[in-house]
N, C-alpha and C. Protein backbone atom coordinates (compact mmCIF):
# COMPACT_ATOMS: atom_id res chain seq x y z
N MET A 1 -15.84 0.60 -18.55
CA MET A 1 -14.93 -0.02 -17.59
C MET A 1 -15.21 0.56 -16.20
N SER A 2 -15.24 -0.29 -15.22
CA SER A 2 -15.43 0.15 -13.85
C SER A 2 -14.09 0.38 -13.17
N GLY A 3 -14.11 1.14 -12.09
CA GLY A 3 -12.90 1.47 -11.38
C GLY A 3 -12.33 0.31 -10.58
N TYR A 4 -11.04 0.43 -10.26
CA TYR A 4 -10.38 -0.53 -9.40
C TYR A 4 -9.11 0.09 -8.86
N LEU A 5 -8.52 -0.54 -7.84
CA LEU A 5 -7.33 -0.02 -7.16
C LEU A 5 -6.23 -1.06 -7.13
N THR A 6 -5.03 -0.64 -7.53
CA THR A 6 -3.85 -1.49 -7.43
C THR A 6 -2.76 -0.75 -6.67
N THR A 7 -1.76 -1.50 -6.24
CA THR A 7 -0.63 -0.93 -5.53
C THR A 7 0.59 -1.80 -5.75
N HIS A 8 1.75 -1.27 -5.48
CA HIS A 8 2.96 -2.08 -5.41
C HIS A 8 3.97 -1.34 -4.55
N VAL A 9 5.02 -2.06 -4.14
CA VAL A 9 6.02 -1.49 -3.25
C VAL A 9 7.41 -1.79 -3.82
N LEU A 10 8.22 -0.72 -3.91
CA LEU A 10 9.61 -0.86 -4.34
C LEU A 10 10.52 -0.48 -3.19
N ASP A 11 11.52 -1.29 -2.94
CA ASP A 11 12.52 -1.05 -1.91
C ASP A 11 13.63 -0.23 -2.55
N THR A 12 13.63 1.07 -2.31
CA THR A 12 14.61 1.95 -2.96
C THR A 12 16.00 1.83 -2.34
N ALA A 13 16.10 1.35 -1.11
CA ALA A 13 17.42 1.16 -0.49
C ALA A 13 18.15 -0.03 -1.11
N LYS A 14 17.41 -1.08 -1.41
CA LYS A 14 18.01 -2.28 -1.99
C LYS A 14 17.90 -2.31 -3.51
N GLY A 15 17.07 -1.43 -4.06
CA GLY A 15 16.92 -1.38 -5.51
C GLY A 15 16.17 -2.57 -6.08
N CYS A 16 15.10 -3.00 -5.37
CA CYS A 16 14.34 -4.16 -5.85
C CYS A 16 12.89 -4.05 -5.37
N PRO A 17 12.03 -4.91 -5.93
CA PRO A 17 10.66 -4.95 -5.43
C PRO A 17 10.65 -5.43 -3.97
N ALA A 18 9.68 -4.98 -3.21
CA ALA A 18 9.54 -5.37 -1.81
C ALA A 18 8.58 -6.55 -1.72
N ALA A 19 9.12 -7.75 -1.75
CA ALA A 19 8.32 -8.97 -1.69
C ALA A 19 7.99 -9.31 -0.24
N GLY A 20 6.78 -9.82 -0.02
CA GLY A 20 6.38 -10.28 1.30
C GLY A 20 5.93 -9.18 2.25
N LEU A 21 5.58 -8.01 1.73
CA LEU A 21 5.16 -6.89 2.57
C LEU A 21 3.63 -6.90 2.71
N LYS A 22 3.15 -6.93 3.93
CA LYS A 22 1.71 -6.94 4.21
C LYS A 22 1.12 -5.56 4.00
N ILE A 23 -0.08 -5.54 3.40
CA ILE A 23 -0.82 -4.30 3.14
C ILE A 23 -2.27 -4.51 3.54
N THR A 24 -2.85 -3.53 4.23
CA THR A 24 -4.29 -3.56 4.50
C THR A 24 -4.93 -2.33 3.85
N LEU A 25 -6.18 -2.47 3.49
CA LEU A 25 -6.94 -1.38 2.88
C LEU A 25 -8.18 -1.13 3.74
N TYR A 26 -8.40 0.16 4.06
CA TYR A 26 -9.55 0.57 4.85
C TYR A 26 -10.39 1.57 4.06
N HIS A 27 -11.69 1.50 4.23
CA HIS A 27 -12.57 2.57 3.77
C HIS A 27 -12.71 3.53 4.95
N VAL A 28 -12.57 4.82 4.69
CA VAL A 28 -12.59 5.83 5.76
C VAL A 28 -13.82 6.71 5.58
N SER A 29 -14.56 6.87 6.69
CA SER A 29 -15.72 7.75 6.71
C SER A 29 -15.69 8.50 8.03
N GLY A 30 -15.34 9.78 7.99
CA GLY A 30 -15.18 10.54 9.23
C GLY A 30 -14.05 9.95 10.05
N ASN A 31 -14.33 9.57 11.29
CA ASN A 31 -13.34 8.93 12.14
C ASN A 31 -13.45 7.41 12.12
N SER A 32 -14.27 6.87 11.26
CA SER A 32 -14.49 5.44 11.17
C SER A 32 -13.63 4.82 10.08
N HIS A 33 -12.94 3.74 10.41
CA HIS A 33 -12.15 2.97 9.46
C HIS A 33 -12.75 1.56 9.39
N ARG A 34 -13.06 1.11 8.18
CA ARG A 34 -13.57 -0.25 8.01
C ARG A 34 -12.60 -1.01 7.12
N LYS A 35 -12.00 -2.05 7.68
CA LYS A 35 -11.05 -2.86 6.92
C LYS A 35 -11.79 -3.64 5.85
N ILE A 36 -11.29 -3.51 4.60
CA ILE A 36 -11.96 -4.21 3.50
C ILE A 36 -11.06 -5.18 2.75
N ALA A 37 -9.75 -5.10 2.98
CA ALA A 37 -8.86 -6.03 2.29
C ALA A 37 -7.53 -6.13 3.04
N GLU A 38 -6.89 -7.28 2.87
CA GLU A 38 -5.55 -7.49 3.39
C GLU A 38 -4.83 -8.43 2.44
N THR A 39 -3.59 -8.12 2.13
CA THR A 39 -2.84 -8.92 1.18
C THR A 39 -1.35 -8.79 1.48
N VAL A 40 -0.55 -9.54 0.73
CA VAL A 40 0.91 -9.50 0.85
C VAL A 40 1.48 -9.39 -0.56
N THR A 41 2.53 -8.58 -0.72
CA THR A 41 3.12 -8.41 -2.04
C THR A 41 3.83 -9.69 -2.49
N ASN A 42 3.83 -9.89 -3.80
CA ASN A 42 4.50 -11.05 -4.39
C ASN A 42 5.97 -10.70 -4.71
N ASP A 43 6.65 -11.56 -5.43
CA ASP A 43 8.08 -11.36 -5.72
C ASP A 43 8.34 -10.11 -6.55
N ASP A 44 7.31 -9.61 -7.24
CA ASP A 44 7.44 -8.40 -8.04
C ASP A 44 7.05 -7.15 -7.24
N GLY A 45 6.76 -7.31 -5.94
CA GLY A 45 6.35 -6.19 -5.10
C GLY A 45 4.92 -5.74 -5.35
N ARG A 46 4.18 -6.54 -6.08
CA ARG A 46 2.79 -6.21 -6.42
C ARG A 46 1.84 -7.19 -5.72
N THR A 47 0.58 -6.86 -5.72
CA THR A 47 -0.41 -7.81 -5.24
C THR A 47 -0.83 -8.69 -6.41
N ASP A 48 -1.24 -9.91 -6.13
CA ASP A 48 -1.59 -10.84 -7.20
C ASP A 48 -2.84 -10.42 -7.97
N SER A 49 -3.67 -9.61 -7.34
CA SER A 49 -4.87 -9.09 -7.99
C SER A 49 -5.11 -7.69 -7.42
N PRO A 50 -6.00 -6.91 -8.03
CA PRO A 50 -6.28 -5.58 -7.48
C PRO A 50 -6.68 -5.66 -6.01
N ILE A 51 -6.16 -4.76 -5.20
CA ILE A 51 -6.51 -4.76 -3.78
C ILE A 51 -7.96 -4.33 -3.58
N LEU A 52 -8.49 -3.59 -4.51
CA LEU A 52 -9.92 -3.27 -4.55
C LEU A 52 -10.38 -3.54 -5.98
N PRO A 53 -10.96 -4.71 -6.22
CA PRO A 53 -11.34 -5.09 -7.59
C PRO A 53 -12.60 -4.38 -8.07
N VAL A 54 -12.87 -4.52 -9.34
CA VAL A 54 -14.00 -3.87 -10.00
C VAL A 54 -15.31 -4.14 -9.25
N ASP A 55 -15.56 -5.38 -8.86
CA ASP A 55 -16.85 -5.71 -8.25
C ASP A 55 -17.04 -5.12 -6.85
N ALA A 56 -15.97 -4.65 -6.23
CA ALA A 56 -16.07 -4.05 -4.88
C ALA A 56 -15.80 -2.54 -4.89
N PHE A 57 -15.47 -1.99 -6.03
CA PHE A 57 -15.04 -0.59 -6.11
C PHE A 57 -16.18 0.38 -5.85
N LYS A 58 -15.90 1.35 -4.99
CA LYS A 58 -16.80 2.49 -4.75
C LYS A 58 -15.93 3.72 -4.56
N THR A 59 -16.42 4.85 -4.99
CA THR A 59 -15.67 6.09 -4.76
C THR A 59 -15.68 6.40 -3.27
N GLY A 60 -14.75 7.23 -2.84
CA GLY A 60 -14.69 7.61 -1.44
C GLY A 60 -13.27 7.79 -0.97
N THR A 61 -13.10 7.85 0.34
CA THR A 61 -11.81 8.02 0.97
C THR A 61 -11.33 6.68 1.49
N TYR A 62 -10.08 6.37 1.21
CA TYR A 62 -9.50 5.09 1.58
C TYR A 62 -8.14 5.31 2.24
N GLU A 63 -7.67 4.26 2.91
CA GLU A 63 -6.34 4.31 3.51
C GLU A 63 -5.67 2.96 3.31
N LEU A 64 -4.51 2.99 2.67
CA LEU A 64 -3.64 1.82 2.59
C LEU A 64 -2.67 1.90 3.75
N VAL A 65 -2.47 0.79 4.45
CA VAL A 65 -1.47 0.73 5.51
C VAL A 65 -0.44 -0.32 5.09
N PHE A 66 0.78 0.14 4.93
CA PHE A 66 1.89 -0.73 4.54
C PHE A 66 2.68 -1.09 5.80
N PHE A 67 2.85 -2.37 6.06
CA PHE A 67 3.56 -2.84 7.25
C PHE A 67 5.06 -2.88 6.96
N ALA A 68 5.62 -1.69 6.82
CA ALA A 68 7.02 -1.51 6.43
C ALA A 68 7.98 -2.08 7.47
N GLY A 69 7.68 -1.90 8.74
CA GLY A 69 8.57 -2.38 9.79
C GLY A 69 8.78 -3.87 9.74
N ASP A 70 7.72 -4.63 9.54
CA ASP A 70 7.85 -6.08 9.43
C ASP A 70 8.75 -6.45 8.25
N TYR A 71 8.56 -5.76 7.12
CA TYR A 71 9.39 -6.01 5.94
C TYR A 71 10.84 -5.64 6.22
N LEU A 72 11.08 -4.48 6.82
CA LEU A 72 12.45 -4.04 7.09
C LEU A 72 13.16 -4.99 8.05
N ARG A 73 12.45 -5.49 9.04
CA ARG A 73 13.03 -6.48 9.95
C ARG A 73 13.38 -7.77 9.20
N ALA A 74 12.48 -8.23 8.36
CA ALA A 74 12.68 -9.48 7.62
C ALA A 74 13.83 -9.40 6.62
N THR A 75 14.14 -8.19 6.17
CA THR A 75 15.22 -8.00 5.18
C THR A 75 16.48 -7.41 5.81
N ASP A 76 16.58 -7.51 7.12
CA ASP A 76 17.77 -7.04 7.87
C ASP A 76 18.09 -5.57 7.63
N GLN A 77 17.06 -4.74 7.48
CA GLN A 77 17.26 -3.31 7.31
C GLN A 77 16.81 -2.52 8.54
N ALA A 78 16.43 -3.24 9.59
CA ALA A 78 15.96 -2.59 10.82
C ALA A 78 17.15 -2.40 11.75
N VAL A 79 17.68 -1.18 11.78
CA VAL A 79 18.87 -0.92 12.61
C VAL A 79 18.53 -0.18 13.89
N ASP A 80 17.38 0.45 13.96
CA ASP A 80 16.99 1.21 15.14
C ASP A 80 15.85 0.51 15.88
N ASP A 81 15.77 0.74 17.18
CA ASP A 81 14.66 0.24 17.97
C ASP A 81 14.20 1.35 18.89
N PRO A 82 13.05 1.95 18.68
CA PRO A 82 12.07 1.58 17.67
C PRO A 82 12.49 2.05 16.28
N LEU A 83 11.88 1.43 15.29
CA LEU A 83 12.15 1.80 13.90
C LEU A 83 11.66 3.22 13.61
N PHE A 84 12.35 3.89 12.71
CA PHE A 84 11.89 5.21 12.27
C PHE A 84 10.55 5.06 11.54
N LEU A 85 10.44 4.07 10.66
CA LEU A 85 9.19 3.78 9.96
C LEU A 85 8.71 2.39 10.34
N ASP A 86 7.48 2.29 10.76
CA ASP A 86 6.91 0.98 11.06
C ASP A 86 5.71 0.76 10.15
N GLN A 87 4.56 1.26 10.51
CA GLN A 87 3.41 1.20 9.62
C GLN A 87 3.31 2.53 8.88
N VAL A 88 3.14 2.45 7.55
CA VAL A 88 3.05 3.64 6.72
C VAL A 88 1.62 3.75 6.18
N PRO A 89 0.82 4.69 6.72
CA PRO A 89 -0.54 4.88 6.21
C PRO A 89 -0.56 5.92 5.09
N ILE A 90 -1.31 5.63 4.07
CA ILE A 90 -1.50 6.59 2.97
C ILE A 90 -3.01 6.73 2.76
N ARG A 91 -3.52 7.93 3.07
CA ARG A 91 -4.95 8.21 2.91
C ARG A 91 -5.14 8.98 1.61
N PHE A 92 -6.13 8.57 0.84
CA PHE A 92 -6.35 9.17 -0.48
C PHE A 92 -7.81 9.05 -0.85
N GLY A 93 -8.22 9.84 -1.82
CA GLY A 93 -9.60 9.81 -2.30
C GLY A 93 -9.67 9.29 -3.72
N MET A 94 -10.76 8.61 -4.00
CA MET A 94 -11.04 8.13 -5.36
C MET A 94 -12.41 8.66 -5.75
N SER A 95 -12.45 9.53 -6.75
CA SER A 95 -13.70 10.21 -7.11
C SER A 95 -14.28 9.79 -8.45
N ASP A 96 -13.52 9.08 -9.26
CA ASP A 96 -13.96 8.67 -10.59
C ASP A 96 -14.32 7.19 -10.57
N ALA A 97 -15.59 6.87 -10.68
CA ALA A 97 -16.07 5.49 -10.58
C ALA A 97 -15.60 4.60 -11.72
N ALA A 98 -15.03 5.18 -12.77
CA ALA A 98 -14.58 4.39 -13.91
C ALA A 98 -13.06 4.35 -14.05
N ALA A 99 -12.33 4.87 -13.08
CA ALA A 99 -10.88 5.01 -13.22
C ALA A 99 -10.12 3.85 -12.57
N HIS A 100 -8.93 3.62 -13.11
CA HIS A 100 -7.97 2.73 -12.46
C HIS A 100 -7.09 3.61 -11.59
N TYR A 101 -7.13 3.39 -10.29
CA TYR A 101 -6.26 4.10 -9.36
C TYR A 101 -5.10 3.18 -9.01
N HIS A 102 -3.89 3.72 -9.03
CA HIS A 102 -2.70 2.95 -8.68
C HIS A 102 -1.91 3.79 -7.68
N VAL A 103 -1.69 3.23 -6.47
CA VAL A 103 -1.00 3.96 -5.40
C VAL A 103 0.22 3.15 -4.97
N PRO A 104 1.38 3.44 -5.56
CA PRO A 104 2.59 2.71 -5.19
C PRO A 104 3.29 3.34 -3.98
N LEU A 105 4.17 2.55 -3.37
CA LEU A 105 5.00 3.03 -2.27
C LEU A 105 6.45 2.77 -2.62
N LEU A 106 7.26 3.81 -2.56
CA LEU A 106 8.71 3.70 -2.69
C LEU A 106 9.27 3.81 -1.28
N LEU A 107 9.96 2.77 -0.82
CA LEU A 107 10.28 2.62 0.59
C LEU A 107 11.78 2.45 0.83
N SER A 108 12.26 3.09 1.89
CA SER A 108 13.60 2.83 2.44
C SER A 108 13.45 2.89 3.96
N PRO A 109 14.47 2.50 4.72
CA PRO A 109 14.33 2.52 6.18
C PRO A 109 14.04 3.90 6.78
N TYR A 110 14.41 4.97 6.07
CA TYR A 110 14.24 6.31 6.65
C TYR A 110 13.39 7.26 5.81
N GLY A 111 12.68 6.73 4.83
CA GLY A 111 11.84 7.60 4.03
C GLY A 111 10.97 6.80 3.08
N TYR A 112 9.94 7.48 2.58
CA TYR A 112 9.07 6.86 1.59
C TYR A 112 8.46 7.95 0.72
N SER A 113 7.94 7.52 -0.41
CA SER A 113 7.28 8.41 -1.34
C SER A 113 6.13 7.66 -1.99
N THR A 114 5.12 8.40 -2.39
CA THR A 114 4.00 7.80 -3.10
C THR A 114 3.51 8.80 -4.15
N TYR A 115 2.66 8.33 -5.03
CA TYR A 115 2.09 9.18 -6.07
C TYR A 115 0.92 8.44 -6.69
N ARG A 116 0.15 9.09 -7.50
CA ARG A 116 -0.90 8.39 -8.25
C ARG A 116 -0.28 7.90 -9.54
N GLY A 117 -0.13 6.63 -9.64
CA GLY A 117 0.48 6.02 -10.81
C GLY A 117 -0.56 5.66 -11.85
N SER A 118 -0.12 4.87 -12.80
CA SER A 118 -1.02 4.44 -13.89
C SER A 118 -1.01 2.93 -14.01
């Protein structure tokens, strides 16, 4: 089995999946960022397919950028201007060419958490 990357977003303030949240994926090399994917979460807070599928997977350093501010505005959770959280970048490494990497985001207007899921 070859490696691939998935993600999803849960809105911990509302207690539901974060539907309609834009996510971009970048490959990072030194100070260079190369955008390789862009998607939006579905009603389950997940992407419809892996954000980095098997046929495009390579080990290395990556960065997911979650457009939390747009989501918070759309769901009437944006109470401050500017928002405390707008874009949430998560930089991580993938070293196993055969692994499934899963990087979820747990989001609220004033905090977030992530981990390597399964």
